Protein backbone atom coordinates (compact mmCIF):
# COMPACT_ATOMS: atom_id res chain seq x y z
CA MET A 1 0.02 -0.04 0.18
CA MET A 2 1.41 3.61 -0.62
CA VAL A 3 -0.38 6.61 0.91
CA GLY A 4 0.42 9.87 -1.01
CA LEU A 5 -0.35 12.07 -3.73
CA MET A 6 -0.07 10.61 -7.23
CA THR A 7 -1.69 12.32 -10.07
CA HIS A 8 -3.70 9.73 -12.31
CA THR A 9 -1.39 9.54 -15.07
CA GLU A 10 1.11 8.02 -12.29
CA VAL A 11 -1.12 4.85 -11.37
CA PRO A 12 -1.28 1.84 -13.05
CA GLU A 13 -4.32 0.66 -14.19
CA GLY A 14 -5.35 -1.99 -12.19
CA ASP A 15 -4.09 -0.46 -9.00
CA VAL A 16 -7.25 0.14 -6.53
CA ALA A 17 -6.60 3.76 -5.62
CA VAL A 18 -8.47 6.27 -3.65
CA TYR A 19 -9.48 9.72 -4.96
CA VAL A 20 -11.11 12.90 -4.79
CA ALA A 21 -12.88 15.21 -7.28
CA ARG A 22 -13.23 18.65 -7.56
CA ASP A 23 -15.20 21.35 -9.08
CA ALA A 24 -13.21 24.82 -10.72
CA GLY A 25 -13.42 26.58 -7.49
CA GLY A 26 -11.66 23.63 -5.68
CA VAL A 27 -14.63 22.56 -3.84
CA ILE A 28 -14.46 18.61 -3.36
CA ARG A 29 -17.54 17.31 -5.13
CA PHE A 30 -16.98 13.49 -4.82
CA VAL A 31 -14.57 10.88 -3.08
CA GLY A 32 -14.56 7.15 -4.73
CA TYR A 33 -11.99 4.66 -5.26
CA THR A 34 -11.03 3.08 -8.77
CA ARG A 35 -9.33 0.03 -9.92
CA ASN A 36 -8.87 2.72 -13.11
CA LEU A 37 -8.08 6.12 -12.52
CA GLU A 38 -7.21 7.54 -15.76
CA ARG A 39 -10.83 6.48 -16.85
CA ARG A 40 -12.74 7.68 -13.55
CA ALA A 41 -10.49 11.19 -14.27
CA ALA A 42 -12.27 11.40 -17.87
CA GLU A 43 -15.86 10.51 -16.30
CA HIS A 44 -15.47 13.34 -13.75
CA ALA A 45 -14.16 16.13 -16.26
CA SER A 46 -17.70 15.87 -18.20
CA ARG A 47 -19.02 17.13 -15.07
CA GLY A 48 -16.81 19.56 -15.06
CA TRP A 49 -14.75 17.96 -12.00
CA ARG A 50 -11.18 17.78 -12.13
CA LEU A 51 -9.29 14.56 -10.07
CA GLU A 52 -5.65 15.96 -10.08
CA GLU A 53 -4.56 13.64 -7.08
CA ALA A 54 -5.03 9.88 -5.91
CA LEU A 55 -4.39 10.07 -2.14
CA MET A 56 -3.56 5.92 -1.85
CA VAL A 57 -2.71 3.72 -4.29
CA ARG A 58 -1.85 -0.01 -4.54
CA THR A 59 -4.20 -1.05 -1.82
CA ASP A 60 -7.61 -4.01 -1.27
CA VAL A 61 -10.85 -2.79 -1.92
CA ALA A 62 -11.84 -3.10 1.63
CA THR A 63 -9.20 -0.63 2.75
CA ALA A 64 -9.75 1.62 0.35
CA ARG A 65 -13.90 1.28 0.95
CA SER A 66 -12.76 2.07 4.53
CA VAL A 67 -10.64 5.25 3.47
CA GLU A 68 -13.26 6.35 1.04
CA GLN A 69 -15.98 6.12 3.94
CA ALA A 70 -13.34 7.58 6.41
CA ILE A 71 -12.96 11.02 4.18
CA ILE A 72 -16.68 11.06 3.47
CA ASN A 73 -17.00 11.16 7.04
CA ARG A 74 -14.66 13.83 8.15
CA LEU A 75 -16.24 15.96 4.91
CA GLY A 76 -19.58 15.82 6.92
CA ARG A 77 -23.16 14.26 6.90
CA ARG A 78 -24.23 16.40 3.77
CA PHE A 79 -21.00 14.84 1.75
CA ASP A 80 -23.10 12.06 0.41
CA ARG A 81 -23.41 10.45 -3.04
CA HIS A 82 -26.71 11.01 -3.22
CA ALA A 83 -26.53 14.74 -3.00
CA ARG A 84 -23.77 15.18 -5.38
CA ASP A 85 -25.02 18.55 -6.70
CA GLU A 86 -24.51 19.91 -2.97
CA PRO A 87 -20.67 21.52 -2.65
CA VAL A 88 -18.82 20.52 0.28
CA SER A 89 -17.89 23.94 2.07
């Protein structure tokens, strides 16, 4: 497991990575994990969001889910996958 910031182009496809997506103003809009960070970055870009860094890579899915949830919990209850249109302050 690696902890630290890596750009989405530095993470090999197949490695599980935890990431945040931000809007143009730098506000966190989404926290997630994926095995294909480059594809996920393109998907978020279609919403106008940017995915500039991965927080954790080369981990297992269970750990990635735990880290993702911990970040969401830290950001507060308003940050929810079902309320994506409301930015996190």
